[in-house]
Amino acid sequence: DGYFYQVVRQCRYSSKDLQGIEFIDSYVFNQAEYIRFNSTVGKFVGYTEHGVKNAEAWNKGPELAVELGELERFCKHNAPIDYSA
């Protein structure tokens, strides 16, 4: 009884040269993904009515710049740790 909210951040590596890294930030409410940022696409994409509205707003605001920096800050910074595991 209640609500389920989750943010899932992923770094997907296709090679060790750090060129093929993809950062994905997914927002989930009640087990349904409603919005996602994908560094390959370079913007937020909404999957529900609420997600589409948020995506439009976030793609015009400071949220987009923050997400674009996460590939460098979060994925590339942690790549040596992930590769060694």
C-alpha atoms as a PDB file:
ATOM      1  CA  ASP A   1       0.000   0.000   0.000  1.00  0.00           C
ATOM      2  CA  GLY A   2       1.636   3.186  -1.131  1.00  0.00           C
ATOM      3  CA  TYR A   3       3.649   4.476  -3.999  1.00  0.00           C
ATOM      4  CA  PHE A   4       6.871   3.263  -5.558  1.00  0.00           C
ATOM      5  CA  TYR A   5       9.366   5.817  -6.945  1.00  0.00           C
ATOM      6  CA  GLN A   6      12.777   4.888  -8.295  1.00  0.00           C
ATOM      7  CA  VAL A   7      15.590   6.473 -10.297  1.00  0.00           C
ATOM      8  CA  VAL A   8      17.908   4.060 -12.102  1.00  0.00           C
ATOM      9  CA  ARG A   9      21.247   5.310 -13.430  1.00  0.00           C
ATOM     10  CA  GLN A  10      23.225   3.108 -15.780  1.00  0.00           C
ATOM     11  CA  CYS A  11      26.501   3.340 -17.621  1.00  0.00           C
ATOM     12  CA  ARG A  12      26.707   0.971 -20.563  1.00  0.00           C
ATOM     13  CA  TYR A  13      30.196   0.311 -21.868  1.00  0.00           C
ATOM     14  CA  SER A  14      30.778  -1.188 -25.305  1.00  0.00           C
ATOM     15  CA  SER A  15      34.588  -0.879 -25.274  1.00  0.00           C
ATOM     16  CA  LYS A  16      37.450   0.055 -22.967  1.00  0.00           C
ATOM     17  CA  ASP A  17      38.445   3.149 -24.966  1.00  0.00           C
ATOM     18  CA  LEU A  18      35.639   5.200 -23.305  1.00  0.00           C
ATOM     19  CA  GLN A  19      34.205   6.201 -26.694  1.00  0.00           C
ATOM     20  CA  GLY A  20      31.284   3.789 -26.615  1.00  0.00           C
ATOM     21  CA  ILE A  21      29.826   4.780 -23.250  1.00  0.00           C
ATOM     22  CA  GLU A  22      26.109   5.389 -22.916  1.00  0.00           C
ATOM     23  CA  PHE A  23      24.553   7.019 -19.839  1.00  0.00           C
ATOM     24  CA  ILE A  24      20.895   6.247 -19.102  1.00  0.00           C
ATOM     25  CA  ASP A  25      18.868   7.884 -16.332  1.00  0.00           C
ATOM     26  CA  SER A  26      15.407   6.329 -15.920  1.00  0.00           C
ATOM     27  CA  TYR A  27      12.593   7.615 -13.712  1.00  0.00           C
ATOM     28  CA  VAL A  28      10.049   5.026 -12.560  1.00  0.00           C
ATOM     29  CA  PHE A  29       6.749   5.500 -10.746  1.00  0.00           C
ATOM     30  CA  ASN A  30       4.735   2.478  -9.616  1.00  0.00           C
ATOM     31  CA  GLN A  31       6.948   0.172 -11.685  1.00  0.00           C
ATOM     32  CA  ALA A  32       6.343   2.069 -14.942  1.00  0.00           C
ATOM     33  CA  GLU A  33       9.136   4.075 -16.514  1.00  0.00           C
ATOM     34  CA  TYR A  34       7.728   7.487 -17.342  1.00  0.00           C
ATOM     35  CA  ILE A  35      10.791   9.440 -18.476  1.00  0.00           C
ATOM     36  CA  ARG A  36      14.342   8.630 -19.562  1.00  0.00           C
ATOM     37  CA  PHE A  37      17.490  10.528 -20.416  1.00  0.00           C
ATOM     38  CA  ASN A  38      19.809   8.747 -22.828  1.00  0.00           C
ATOM     39  CA  SER A  39      23.186  10.333 -23.617  1.00  0.00           C
ATOM     40  CA  THR A  40      23.136   8.822 -27.110  1.00  0.00           C
ATOM     41  CA  VAL A  41      19.826  10.569 -27.853  1.00  0.00           C
ATOM     42  CA  GLY A  42      20.990  13.676 -25.958  1.00  0.00           C
ATOM     43  CA  LYS A  43      17.650  14.587 -24.408  1.00  0.00           C
ATOM     44  CA  PHE A  44      14.827  13.428 -22.154  1.00  0.00           C
ATOM     45  CA  VAL A  45      12.103  11.261 -23.678  1.00  0.00           C
ATOM     46  CA  GLY A  46       8.720  10.801 -22.006  1.00  0.00           C
ATOM     47  CA  TYR A  47       6.772   7.527 -22.099  1.00  0.00           C
ATOM     48  CA  THR A  48       3.557   8.613 -20.373  1.00  0.00           C
ATOM     49  CA  GLU A  49       1.478  11.778 -20.526  1.00  0.00           C
ATOM     50  CA  HIS A  50       3.191  13.057 -17.384  1.00  0.00           C
ATOM     51  CA  GLY A  51       6.604  11.989 -18.704  1.00  0.00           C
ATOM     52  CA  VAL A  52       6.115  13.772 -22.034  1.00  0.00           C
ATOM     53  CA  LYS A  53       5.245  17.019 -20.223  1.00  0.00           C
ATOM     54  CA  ASN A  54       8.283  16.698 -17.964  1.00  0.00           C
ATOM     55  CA  ALA A  55      10.544  15.850 -20.903  1.00  0.00           C
ATOM     56  CA  GLU A  56       9.453  18.978 -22.765  1.00  0.00           C
ATOM     57  CA  ALA A  57      10.134  21.164 -19.721  1.00  0.00           C
ATOM     58  CA  TRP A  58      13.401  19.470 -18.724  1.00  0.00           C
ATOM     59  CA  ASN A  59      14.794  19.641 -22.277  1.00  0.00           C
ATOM     60  CA  LYS A  60      14.359  23.436 -22.147  1.00  0.00           C
ATOM     61  CA  GLY A  61      15.688  23.916 -18.620  1.00  0.00           C
ATOM     62  CA  PRO A  62      18.890  23.432 -16.629  1.00  0.00           C
ATOM     63  CA  GLU A  63      18.097  19.737 -16.095  1.00  0.00           C
ATOM     64  CA  LEU A  64      19.328  18.922 -19.602  1.00  0.00           C
ATOM     65  CA  ALA A  65      22.749  20.515 -19.017  1.00  0.00           C
ATOM     66  CA  VAL A  66      23.121  18.545 -15.778  1.00  0.00           C
ATOM     67  CA  GLU A  67      22.308  15.257 -17.504  1.00  0.00           C
ATOM     68  CA  LEU A  68      24.653  15.967 -20.410  1.00  0.00           C
ATOM     69  CA  GLY A  69      27.491  16.345 -17.879  1.00  0.00           C
ATOM     70  CA  GLU A  70      26.743  13.054 -16.148  1.00  0.00           C
ATOM     71  CA  LEU A  71      28.338  10.962 -18.886  1.00  0.00           C
ATOM     72  CA  GLU A  72      31.674  12.594 -18.105  1.00  0.00           C
ATOM     73  CA  ARG A  73      31.242  12.938 -14.340  1.00  0.00           C
ATOM     74  CA  PHE A  74      29.529   9.649 -13.514  1.00  0.00           C
ATOM     75  CA  CYS A  75      30.419   7.135 -16.239  1.00  0.00           C
ATOM     76  CA  LYS A  76      33.877   8.075 -17.467  1.00  0.00           C
ATOM     77  CA  HIS A  77      35.074   8.882 -13.950  1.00  0.00           C
ATOM     78  CA  ASN A  78      34.022   5.445 -12.663  1.00  0.00           C
ATOM     79  CA  ALA A  79      35.037   3.449 -15.751  1.00  0.00           C
ATOM     80  CA  PRO A  80      38.388   2.234 -14.315  1.00  0.00           C
ATOM     81  CA  ILE A  81      36.572   0.913 -11.231  1.00  0.00           C
ATOM     82  CA  ASP A  82      33.892  -0.778 -13.322  1.00  0.00           C
ATOM     83  CA  TYR A  83      36.444  -2.368 -15.674  1.00  0.00           C
ATOM     84  CA  SER A  84      38.531  -3.713 -12.789  1.00  0.00           C
ATOM     85  CA  ALA A  85      35.538  -5.445 -11.161  1.00  0.00           C
END
